Amino acid sequence: NPTKGVLKVKVGKAGSDELEISIFDISGKKILTRTCSGQ
């Protein structure tokens, strides 16, 4: 951060939980969303 494109989200201990990771632009529009768990 800043990034040129590929972004990594390291969640550490929270990796054992089911997470919803979403990315929004500055206007609040959701660009993408993913349900993540196990990593």
PDB file of all heavy atoms in Angstrom:
ATOM      1  N   ASN A   1       0.848  -1.189   0.000  1.00  0.00           N
ATOM      2  CA  ASN A   1       0.000   0.000   0.000  1.00  0.00           C
ATOM      3  C   ASN A   1       0.888   1.244   0.000  1.00  0.00           C
ATOM      4  O   ASN A   1       1.565   1.499   0.999  1.00  0.00           O
ATOM      5  CB  ASN A   1      -0.902   0.006   1.232  1.00  0.00           C
ATOM      6  CG  ASN A   1      -1.943   1.096   1.195  1.00  0.00           C
ATOM      7  OD1 ASN A   1      -2.198   1.681   0.143  1.00  0.00           O
ATOM      8  ND2 ASN A   1      -2.548   1.366   2.335  1.00  0.00           N
ATOM      9  N   PRO A   2       0.956   1.935  -1.147  1.00  0.00           N
ATOM     10  CA  PRO A   2       0.182   1.814  -2.385  1.00  0.00           C
ATOM     11  C   PRO A   2       0.490   0.511  -3.130  1.00  0.00           C
ATOM     12  O   PRO A   2       1.544  -0.084  -2.942  1.00  0.00           O
ATOM     13  CB  PRO A   2       0.614   3.025  -3.218  1.00  0.00           C
ATOM     14  CG  PRO A   2       1.242   3.971  -2.225  1.00  0.00           C
ATOM     15  CD  PRO A   2       1.850   3.110  -1.185  1.00  0.00           C
ATOM     16  N   THR A   3      -0.458   0.122  -4.015  1.00  0.00           N
ATOM     17  CA  THR A   3      -0.297  -1.068  -4.832  1.00  0.00           C
ATOM     18  C   THR A   3      -0.481  -0.712  -6.303  1.00  0.00           C
ATOM     19  O   THR A   3      -1.212   0.219  -6.630  1.00  0.00           O
ATOM     20  CB  THR A   3      -1.297  -2.158  -4.427  1.00  0.00           C
ATOM     21  OG1 THR A   3      -1.118  -3.293  -5.270  1.00  0.00           O
ATOM     22  CG2 THR A   3      -2.731  -1.657  -4.573  1.00  0.00           C
ATOM     23  N   LYS A   4       0.182  -1.483  -7.145  1.00  0.00           N
ATOM     24  CA  LYS A   4       0.019  -1.284  -8.585  1.00  0.00           C
ATOM     25  C   LYS A   4      -1.021  -2.226  -9.177  1.00  0.00           C
ATOM     26  O   LYS A   4      -1.261  -2.214 -10.386  1.00  0.00           O
ATOM     27  CB  LYS A   4       1.361  -1.473  -9.293  1.00  0.00           C
ATOM     28  CG  LYS A   4       2.381  -0.388  -8.959  1.00  0.00           C
ATOM     29  CD  LYS A   4       3.663  -0.564  -9.755  1.00  0.00           C
ATOM     30  CE  LYS A   4       4.646   0.569  -9.447  1.00  0.00           C
ATOM     31  NZ  LYS A   4       5.903   0.420 -10.227  1.00  0.00           N
ATOM     32  N   GLY A   5      -1.616  -3.058  -8.353  1.00  0.00           N
ATOM     33  CA  GLY A   5      -2.662  -3.940  -8.867  1.00  0.00           C
ATOM     34  C   GLY A   5      -2.966  -5.096  -7.955  1.00  0.00           C
ATOM     35  O   GLY A   5      -4.081  -5.252  -7.467  1.00  0.00           O
ATOM     36  N   VAL A   6      -1.966  -5.951  -7.682  1.00  0.00           N
ATOM     37  CA  VAL A   6      -2.185  -7.127  -6.840  1.00  0.00           C
ATOM     38  C   VAL A   6      -2.080  -6.724  -5.373  1.00  0.00           C
ATOM     39  O   VAL A   6      -1.081  -6.138  -4.942  1.00  0.00           O
ATOM     40  CB  VAL A   6      -1.176  -8.239  -7.162  1.00  0.00           C
ATOM     41  CG1 VAL A   6      -1.367  -9.420  -6.207  1.00  0.00           C
ATOM     42  CG2 VAL A   6      -1.353  -8.697  -8.601  1.00  0.00           C
ATOM     43  N   LEU A   7      -3.123  -7.033  -4.632  1.00  0.00           N
ATOM     44  CA  LEU A   7      -3.220  -6.654  -3.224  1.00  0.00           C
ATOM     45  C   LEU A   7      -3.306  -7.919  -2.388  1.00  0.00           C
ATOM     46  O   LEU A   7      -4.030  -8.865  -2.736  1.00  0.00           O
ATOM     47  CB  LEU A   7      -4.459  -5.789  -3.005  1.00  0.00           C
ATOM     48  CG  LEU A   7      -4.685  -5.256  -1.595  1.00  0.00           C
ATOM     49  CD1 LEU A   7      -3.694  -4.152  -1.289  1.00  0.00           C
ATOM     50  CD2 LEU A   7      -6.112  -4.737  -1.462  1.00  0.00           C
ATOM     51  N   LYS A   8      -2.597  -7.964  -1.274  1.00  0.00           N
ATOM     52  CA  LYS A   8      -2.645  -9.111  -0.375  1.00  0.00           C
ATOM     53  C   LYS A   8      -3.257  -8.686   0.959  1.00  0.00           C
ATOM     54  O   LYS A   8      -2.961  -7.606   1.471  1.00  0.00           O
ATOM     55  CB  LYS A   8      -1.251  -9.690  -0.159  1.00  0.00           C
ATOM     56  CG  LYS A   8      -0.635 -10.286  -1.431  1.00  0.00           C
ATOM     57  CD  LYS A   8       0.701 -10.908  -1.140  1.00  0.00           C
ATOM     58  CE  LYS A   8       1.322 -11.488  -2.412  1.00  0.00           C
ATOM     59  NZ  LYS A   8       0.527 -12.634  -2.923  1.00  0.00           N
ATOM     60  N   VAL A   9      -4.114  -9.541   1.479  1.00  0.00           N
ATOM     61  CA  VAL A   9      -4.737  -9.316   2.788  1.00  0.00           C
ATOM     62  C   VAL A   9      -4.298 -10.448   3.699  1.00  0.00           C
ATOM     63  O   VAL A   9      -4.663 -11.617   3.485  1.00  0.00           O
ATOM     64  CB  VAL A   9      -6.271  -9.268   2.680  1.00  0.00           C
ATOM     65  CG1 VAL A   9      -6.889  -9.058   4.064  1.00  0.00           C
ATOM     66  CG2 VAL A   9      -6.714  -8.177   1.727  1.00  0.00           C
ATOM     67  N   LYS A  10      -3.483 -10.134   4.679  1.00  0.00           N
ATOM     68  CA  LYS A  10      -3.000 -11.119   5.648  1.00  0.00           C
ATOM     69  C   LYS A  10      -3.849 -10.996   6.908  1.00  0.00           C
ATOM     70  O   LYS A  10      -3.912  -9.938   7.523  1.00  0.00           O
ATOM     71  CB  LYS A  10      -1.525 -10.875   5.978  1.00  0.00           C
ATOM     72  CG  LYS A  10      -0.896 -11.945   6.852  1.00  0.00           C
ATOM     73  CD  LYS A  10       0.592 -11.683   7.030  1.00  0.00           C
ATOM     74  CE  LYS A  10       1.244 -12.754   7.901  1.00  0.00           C
ATOM     75  NZ  LYS A  10       1.163 -14.106   7.270  1.00  0.00           N
ATOM     76  N   VAL A  11      -4.535 -12.076   7.259  1.00  0.00           N
ATOM     77  CA  VAL A  11      -5.491 -12.020   8.366  1.00  0.00           C
ATOM     78  C   VAL A  11      -4.972 -12.692   9.634  1.00  0.00           C
ATOM     79  O   VAL A  11      -5.581 -12.583  10.695  1.00  0.00           O
ATOM     80  CB  VAL A  11      -6.836 -12.641   7.947  1.00  0.00           C
ATOM     81  CG1 VAL A  11      -7.463 -11.834   6.844  1.00  0.00           C
ATOM     82  CG2 VAL A  11      -6.664 -14.096   7.525  1.00  0.00           C
ATOM     83  N   GLY A  12      -3.852 -13.394   9.556  1.00  0.00           N
ATOM     84  CA  GLY A  12      -3.252 -13.987  10.739  1.00  0.00           C
ATOM     85  C   GLY A  12      -4.167 -14.964  11.438  1.00  0.00           C
ATOM     86  O   GLY A  12      -4.731 -15.884  10.827  1.00  0.00           O
ATOM     87  N   LYS A  13      -4.378 -14.745  12.759  1.00  0.00           N
ATOM     88  CA  LYS A  13      -5.191 -15.668  13.557  1.00  0.00           C
ATOM     89  C   LYS A  13      -6.631 -15.755  13.068  1.00  0.00           C
ATOM     90  O   LYS A  13      -7.318 -16.755  13.282  1.00  0.00           O
ATOM     91  CB  LYS A  13      -5.164 -15.233  15.022  1.00  0.00           C
ATOM     92  CG  LYS A  13      -3.794 -15.319  15.664  1.00  0.00           C
ATOM     93  CD  LYS A  13      -3.851 -14.832  17.095  1.00  0.00           C
ATOM     94  CE  LYS A  13      -2.467 -14.871  17.737  1.00  0.00           C
ATOM     95  NZ  LYS A  13      -2.500 -14.384  19.135  1.00  0.00           N
ATOM     96  N   ALA A  14      -7.114 -14.670  12.414  1.00  0.00           N
ATOM     97  CA  ALA A  14      -8.501 -14.669  11.940  1.00  0.00           C
ATOM     98  C   ALA A  14      -8.700 -15.625  10.765  1.00  0.00           C
ATOM     99  O   ALA A  14      -9.821 -15.861  10.333  1.00  0.00           O
ATOM    100  CB  ALA A  14      -8.904 -13.254  11.516  1.00  0.00           C
ATOM    101  N   GLY A  15      -7.608 -16.210  10.252  1.00  0.00           N
ATOM    102  CA  GLY A  15      -7.718 -17.106   9.110  1.00  0.00           C
ATOM    103  C   GLY A  15      -8.549 -18.342   9.386  1.00  0.00           C
ATOM    104  O   GLY A  15      -9.035 -18.996   8.464  1.00  0.00           O
ATOM    105  N   SER A  16      -8.687 -18.694  10.648  1.00  0.00           N
ATOM    106  CA  SER A  16      -9.496 -19.865  10.989  1.00  0.00           C
ATOM    107  C   SER A  16     -10.985 -19.568  10.952  1.00  0.00           C
ATOM    108  O   SER A  16     -11.811 -20.480  10.979  1.00  0.00           O
ATOM    109  CB  SER A  16      -9.108 -20.376  12.379  1.00  0.00           C
ATOM    110  OG  SER A  16      -9.304 -19.352  13.356  1.00  0.00           O
ATOM    111  N   ASP A  17     -11.354 -18.289  10.918  1.00  0.00           N
ATOM    112  CA  ASP A  17     -12.763 -17.888  10.853  1.00  0.00           C
ATOM    113  C   ASP A  17     -13.209 -17.722   9.405  1.00  0.00           C
ATOM    114  O   ASP A  17     -12.388 -17.542   8.505  1.00  0.00           O
ATOM    115  CB  ASP A  17     -12.966 -16.549  11.586  1.00  0.00           C
ATOM    116  CG  ASP A  17     -12.584 -16.633  13.044  1.00  0.00           C
ATOM    117  OD1 ASP A  17     -12.693 -17.735  13.631  1.00  0.00           O
ATOM    118  OD2 ASP A  17     -12.164 -15.594  13.599  1.00  0.00           O
ATOM    119  N   GLU A  18     -14.511 -17.771   9.181  1.00  0.00           N
ATOM    120  CA  GLU A  18     -15.036 -17.447   7.856  1.00  0.00           C
ATOM    121  C   GLU A  18     -15.148 -15.934   7.752  1.00  0.00           C
ATOM    122  O   GLU A  18     -15.805 -15.294   8.568  1.00  0.00           O
ATOM    123  CB  GLU A  18     -16.397 -18.097   7.626  1.00  0.00           C
ATOM    124  CG  GLU A  18     -16.930 -17.839   6.223  1.00  0.00           C
ATOM    125  CD  GLU A  18     -18.206 -18.610   5.926  1.00  0.00           C
ATOM    126  OE1 GLU A  18     -18.120 -19.779   5.554  1.00  0.00           O
ATOM    127  OE2 GLU A  18     -19.297 -18.001   6.096  1.00  0.00           O
ATOM    128  N   LEU A  19     -14.512 -15.373   6.731  1.00  0.00           N
ATOM    129  CA  LEU A  19     -14.472 -13.930   6.558  1.00  0.00           C
ATOM    130  C   LEU A  19     -15.126 -13.542   5.239  1.00  0.00           C
ATOM    131  O   LEU A  19     -15.069 -14.303   4.265  1.00  0.00           O
ATOM    132  CB  LEU A  19     -13.023 -13.420   6.549  1.00  0.00           C
ATOM    133  CG  LEU A  19     -12.150 -13.774   7.742  1.00  0.00           C
ATOM    134  CD1 LEU A  19     -10.716 -13.338   7.474  1.00  0.00           C
ATOM    135  CD2 LEU A  19     -12.684 -13.136   9.009  1.00  0.00           C
ATOM    136  N   GLU A  20     -15.712 -12.362   5.224  1.00  0.00           N
ATOM    137  CA  GLU A  20     -16.172 -11.764   3.978  1.00  0.00           C
ATOM    138  C   GLU A  20     -15.278 -10.567   3.706  1.00  0.00           C
ATOM    139  O   GLU A  20     -15.289  -9.597   4.462  1.00  0.00           O
ATOM    140  CB  GLU A  20     -17.629 -11.320   4.070  1.00  0.00           C
ATOM    141  CG  GLU A  20     -18.144 -10.700   2.772  1.00  0.00           C
ATOM    142  CD  GLU A  20     -19.565 -10.184   2.895  1.00  0.00           C
ATOM    143  OE1 GLU A  20     -20.499 -10.981   2.660  1.00  0.00           O
ATOM    144  OE2 GLU A  20     -19.728  -9.000   3.227  1.00  0.00           O
ATOM    145  N   ILE A  21     -14.489 -10.658   2.658  1.00  0.00           N
ATOM    146  CA  ILE A  21     -13.582  -9.571   2.295  1.00  0.00           C
ATOM    147  C   ILE A  21     -14.123  -8.889   1.052  1.00  0.00           C
ATOM    148  O   ILE A  21     -14.305  -9.525   0.010  1.00  0.00           O
ATOM    149  CB  ILE A  21     -12.157 -10.088   2.049  1.00  0.00           C
ATOM    150  CG1 ILE A  21     -11.627 -10.803   3.301  1.00  0.00           C
ATOM    151  CG2 ILE A  21     -11.231  -8.935   1.659  1.00  0.00           C
ATOM    152  CD1 ILE A  21     -10.232 -11.394   3.142  1.00  0.00           C
ATOM    153  N   SER A  22     -14.390  -7.574   1.175  1.00  0.00           N
ATOM    154  CA  SER A  22     -14.958  -6.793   0.074  1.00  0.00           C
ATOM    155  C   SER A  22     -14.089  -5.584  -0.181  1.00  0.00           C
ATOM    156  O   SER A  22     -13.447  -5.055   0.739  1.00  0.00           O
ATOM    157  CB  SER A  22     -16.382  -6.336   0.399  1.00  0.00           C
ATOM    158  OG  SER A  22     -17.215  -7.444   0.694  1.00  0.00           O
ATOM    159  N   ILE A  23     -14.055  -5.144  -1.415  1.00  0.00           N
ATOM    160  CA  ILE A  23     -13.301  -3.946  -1.787  1.00  0.00           C
ATOM    161  C   ILE A  23     -14.262  -2.954  -2.421  1.00  0.00           C
ATOM    162  O   ILE A  23     -15.044  -3.319  -3.319  1.00  0.00           O
ATOM    163  CB  ILE A  23     -12.142  -4.287  -2.742  1.00  0.00           C
ATOM    164  CG1 ILE A  23     -11.180  -5.262  -2.047  1.00  0.00           C
ATOM    165  CG2 ILE A  23     -11.402  -3.015  -3.173  1.00  0.00           C
ATOM    166  CD1 ILE A  23      -9.999  -5.691  -2.891  1.00  0.00           C
ATOM    167  N   PHE A  24     -14.233  -1.705  -1.956  1.00  0.00           N
ATOM    168  CA  PHE A  24     -15.116  -0.636  -2.412  1.00  0.00           C
ATOM    169  C   PHE A  24     -14.280   0.487  -2.992  1.00  0.00           C
ATOM    170  O   PHE A  24     -13.169   0.756  -2.517  1.00  0.00           O
ATOM    171  CB  PHE A  24     -15.947  -0.084  -1.248  1.00  0.00           C
ATOM    172  CG  PHE A  24     -16.861  -1.088  -0.593  1.00  0.00           C
ATOM    173  CD1 PHE A  24     -16.353  -1.985   0.341  1.00  0.00           C
ATOM    174  CD2 PHE A  24     -18.199  -1.127  -0.913  1.00  0.00           C
ATOM    175  CE1 PHE A  24     -17.187  -2.904   0.951  1.00  0.00           C
ATOM    176  CE2 PHE A  24     -19.044  -2.042  -0.303  1.00  0.00           C
ATOM    177  CZ  PHE A  24     -18.538  -2.942   0.624  1.00  0.00           C
ATOM    178  N   ASP A  25     -14.834   1.190  -3.996  1.00  0.00           N
ATOM    179  CA  ASP A  25     -14.146   2.389  -4.483  1.00  0.00           C
ATOM    180  C   ASP A  25     -14.494   3.573  -3.591  1.00  0.00           C
ATOM    181  O   ASP A  25     -15.257   3.446  -2.622  1.00  0.00           O
ATOM    182  CB  ASP A  25     -14.446   2.659  -5.958  1.00  0.00           C
ATOM    183  CG  ASP A  25     -15.897   3.036  -6.226  1.00  0.00           C
ATOM    184  OD1 ASP A  25     -16.643   3.328  -5.263  1.00  0.00           O
ATOM    185  OD2 ASP A  25     -16.304   3.046  -7.404  1.00  0.00           O
ATOM    186  N   ILE A  26     -13.956   4.750  -3.900  1.00  0.00           N
ATOM    187  CA  ILE A  26     -14.124   5.916  -3.033  1.00  0.00           C
ATOM    188  C   ILE A  26     -15.576   6.362  -2.936  1.00  0.00           C
ATOM    189  O   ILE A  26     -15.983   7.008  -1.966  1.00  0.00           O
ATOM    190  CB  ILE A  26     -13.231   7.091  -3.531  1.00  0.00           C
ATOM    191  CG1 ILE A  26     -13.138   8.203  -2.473  1.00  0.00           C
ATOM    192  CG2 ILE A  26     -13.753   7.609  -4.872  1.00  0.00           C
ATOM    193  CD1 ILE A  26     -12.411   7.780  -1.225  1.00  0.00           C
ATOM    194  N   SER A  27     -16.404   6.003  -3.928  1.00  0.00           N
ATOM    195  CA  SER A  27     -17.818   6.392  -3.908  1.00  0.00           C
ATOM    196  C   SER A  27     -18.669   5.439  -3.082  1.00  0.00           C
ATOM    197  O   SER A  27     -19.838   5.693  -2.836  1.00  0.00           O
ATOM    198  CB  SER A  27     -18.370   6.443  -5.342  1.00  0.00           C
ATOM    199  OG  SER A  27     -18.545   5.138  -5.867  1.00  0.00           O
ATOM    200  N   GLY A  28     -18.073   4.311  -2.637  1.00  0.00           N
ATOM    201  CA  GLY A  28     -18.826   3.324  -1.880  1.00  0.00           C
ATOM    202  C   GLY A  28     -19.337   2.174  -2.725  1.00  0.00           C
ATOM    203  O   GLY A  28     -20.012   1.279  -2.224  1.00  0.00           O
ATOM    204  N   LYS A  29     -19.013   2.160  -4.021  1.00  0.00           N
ATOM    205  CA  LYS A  29     -19.436   1.077  -4.902  1.00  0.00           C
ATOM    206  C   LYS A  29     -18.590  -0.164  -4.650  1.00  0.00           C
ATOM    207  O   LYS A  29     -17.360  -0.096  -4.605  1.00  0.00           O
ATOM    208  CB  LYS A  29     -19.306   1.501  -6.362  1.00  0.00           C
ATOM    209  CG  LYS A  29     -19.676   0.411  -7.358  1.00  0.00           C
ATOM    210  CD  LYS A  29     -19.449   0.884  -8.783  1.00  0.00           C
ATOM    211  CE  LYS A  29     -19.740  -0.213  -9.779  1.00  0.00           C
ATOM    212  NZ  LYS A  29     -19.470   0.220 -11.182  1.00  0.00           N
ATOM    213  N   LYS A  30     -19.256  -1.311  -4.485  1.00  0.00           N
ATOM    214  CA  LYS A  30     -18.540  -2.548  -4.229  1.00  0.00           C
ATOM    215  C   LYS A  30     -17.912  -3.052  -5.531  1.00  0.00           C
ATOM    216  O   LYS A  30     -18.590  -3.301  -6.520  1.00  0.00           O
ATOM    217  CB  LYS A  30     -19.474  -3.599  -3.653  1.00  0.00           C
ATOM    218  CG  LYS A  30     -18.784  -4.899  -3.238  1.00  0.00           C
ATOM    219  CD  LYS A  30     -19.785  -5.908  -2.711  1.00  0.00           C
ATOM    220  CE  LYS A  30     -20.351  -5.479  -1.378  1.00  0.00           C
ATOM    221  NZ  LYS A  30     -21.237  -6.533  -0.792  1.00  0.00           N
ATOM    222  N   ILE A  31     -16.582  -3.204  -5.533  1.00  0.00           N
ATOM    223  CA  ILE A  31     -15.859  -3.653  -6.712  1.00  0.00           C
ATOM    224  C   ILE A  31     -15.838  -5.174  -6.788  1.00  0.00           C
ATOM    225  O   ILE A  31     -16.045  -5.769  -7.845  1.00  0.00           O
ATOM    226  CB  ILE A  31     -14.411  -3.109  -6.705  1.00  0.00           C
ATOM    227  CG1 ILE A  31     -14.417  -1.585  -6.660  1.00  0.00           C
ATOM    228  CG2 ILE A  31     -13.644  -3.598  -7.941  1.00  0.00           C
ATOM    229  CD1 ILE A  31     -15.146  -0.942  -7.819  1.00  0.00           C
ATOM    230  N   LEU A  32     -15.588  -5.815  -5.648  1.00  0.00           N
ATOM    231  CA  LEU A  32     -15.589  -7.272  -5.593  1.00  0.00           C
ATOM    232  C   LEU A  32     -15.796  -7.707  -4.156  1.00  0.00           C
ATOM    233  O   LEU A  32     -15.596  -6.939  -3.211  1.00  0.00           O
ATOM    234  CB  LEU A  32     -14.295  -7.864  -6.179  1.00  0.00           C
ATOM    235  CG  LEU A  32     -12.950  -7.429  -5.568  1.00  0.00           C
ATOM    236  CD1 LEU A  32     -12.601  -8.291  -4.352  1.00  0.00           C
ATOM    237  CD2 LEU A  32     -11.848  -7.556  -6.610  1.00  0.00           C
ATOM    238  N   THR A  33     -16.194  -8.960  -3.990  1.00  0.00           N
ATOM    239  CA  THR A  33     -16.364  -9.526  -2.653  1.00  0.00           C
ATOM    240  C   THR A  33     -16.070 -11.015  -2.720  1.00  0.00           C
ATOM    241  O   THR A  33     -16.289 -11.656  -3.754  1.00  0.00           O
ATOM    242  CB  THR A  33     -17.777  -9.252  -2.118  1.00  0.00           C
ATOM    243  OG1 THR A  33     -17.847  -9.660  -0.748  1.00  0.00           O
ATOM    244  CG2 THR A  33     -18.832 -10.012  -2.909  1.00  0.00           C
ATOM    245  N   ARG A  34     -15.541 -11.554  -1.608  1.00  0.00           N
ATOM    246  CA  ARG A  34     -15.173 -12.966  -1.585  1.00  0.00           C
ATOM    247  C   ARG A  34     -15.343 -13.500  -0.176  1.00  0.00           C
ATOM    248  O   ARG A  34     -15.004 -12.818   0.804  1.00  0.00           O
ATOM    249  CB  ARG A  34     -13.727 -13.141  -2.038  1.00  0.00           C
ATOM    250  CG  ARG A  34     -13.297 -14.608  -2.191  1.00  0.00           C
ATOM    251  CD  ARG A  34     -11.797 -14.725  -2.403  1.00  0.00           C
ATOM    252  NE  ARG A  34     -11.335 -13.916  -3.532  1.00  0.00           N
ATOM    253  CZ  ARG A  34     -10.037 -13.726  -3.791  1.00  0.00           C
ATOM    254  NH1 ARG A  34      -9.111 -14.259  -2.993  1.00  0.00           N
ATOM    255  NH2 ARG A  34      -9.681 -12.983  -4.822  1.00  0.00           N
ATOM    256  N   THR A  35     -15.881 -14.701  -0.060  1.00  0.00           N
ATOM    257  CA  THR A  35     -15.957 -15.386   1.224  1.00  0.00           C
ATOM    258  C   THR A  35     -14.691 -16.215   1.382  1.00  0.00           C
ATOM    259  O   THR A  35     -14.355 -17.032   0.508  1.00  0.00           O
ATOM    260  CB  THR A  35     -17.201 -16.280   1.299  1.00  0.00           C
ATOM    261  OG1 THR A  35     -18.370 -15.461   1.145  1.00  0.00           O
ATOM    262  CG2 THR A  35     -17.274 -16.996   2.632  1.00  0.00           C
ATOM    263  N   CYS A  36     -13.967 -15.999   2.486  1.00  0.00           N
ATOM    264  CA  CYS A  36     -12.649 -16.604   2.668  1.00  0.00           C
ATOM    265  C   CYS A  36     -12.600 -17.361   3.994  1.00  0.00           C
ATOM    266  O   CYS A  36     -13.139 -16.909   5.005  1.00  0.00           O
ATOM    267  CB  CYS A  36     -11.560 -15.536   2.676  1.00  0.00           C
ATOM    268  SG  CYS A  36     -11.562 -14.467   1.213  1.00  0.00           S
ATOM    269  N   SER A  37     -11.911 -18.501   4.008  1.00  0.00           N
ATOM    270  CA  SER A  37     -11.679 -19.242   5.243  1.00  0.00           C
ATOM    271  C   SER A  37     -10.551 -20.247   5.020  1.00  0.00           C
ATOM    272  O   SER A  37     -10.281 -20.661   3.885  1.00  0.00           O
ATOM    273  CB  SER A  37     -12.949 -19.976   5.698  1.00  0.00           C
ATOM    274  OG  SER A  37     -13.330 -20.950   4.739  1.00  0.00           O
ATOM    275  N   GLY A  38      -9.872 -20.605   6.125  1.00  0.00           N
ATOM    276  CA  GLY A  38      -8.867 -21.653   6.070  1.00  0.00           C
ATOM    277  C   GLY A  38      -7.470 -21.194   5.722  1.00  0.00           C
ATOM    278  O   GLY A  38      -6.530 -22.008   5.736  1.00  0.00           O
ATOM    279  N   GLN A  39      -7.260 -19.934   5.358  1.00  0.00           N
ATOM    280  CA  GLN A  39      -5.934 -19.435   5.043  1.00  0.00           C
ATOM    281  C   GLN A  39      -5.654 -18.198   5.886  1.00  0.00           C
ATOM    282  O   GLN A  39      -6.565 -17.568   6.410  1.00  0.00           O
ATOM    283  CB  GLN A  39      -5.818 -19.097   3.561  1.00  0.00           C
ATOM    284  CG  GLN A  39      -6.095 -20.263   2.617  1.00  0.00           C
ATOM    285  CD  GLN A  39      -5.979 -19.859   1.162  1.00  0.00           C
ATOM    286  OE1 GLN A  39      -5.115 -19.069   0.799  1.00  0.00           O
ATOM    287  NE2 GLN A  39      -6.864 -20.393   0.322  1.00  0.00           N
TER     288      GLN A  39
END
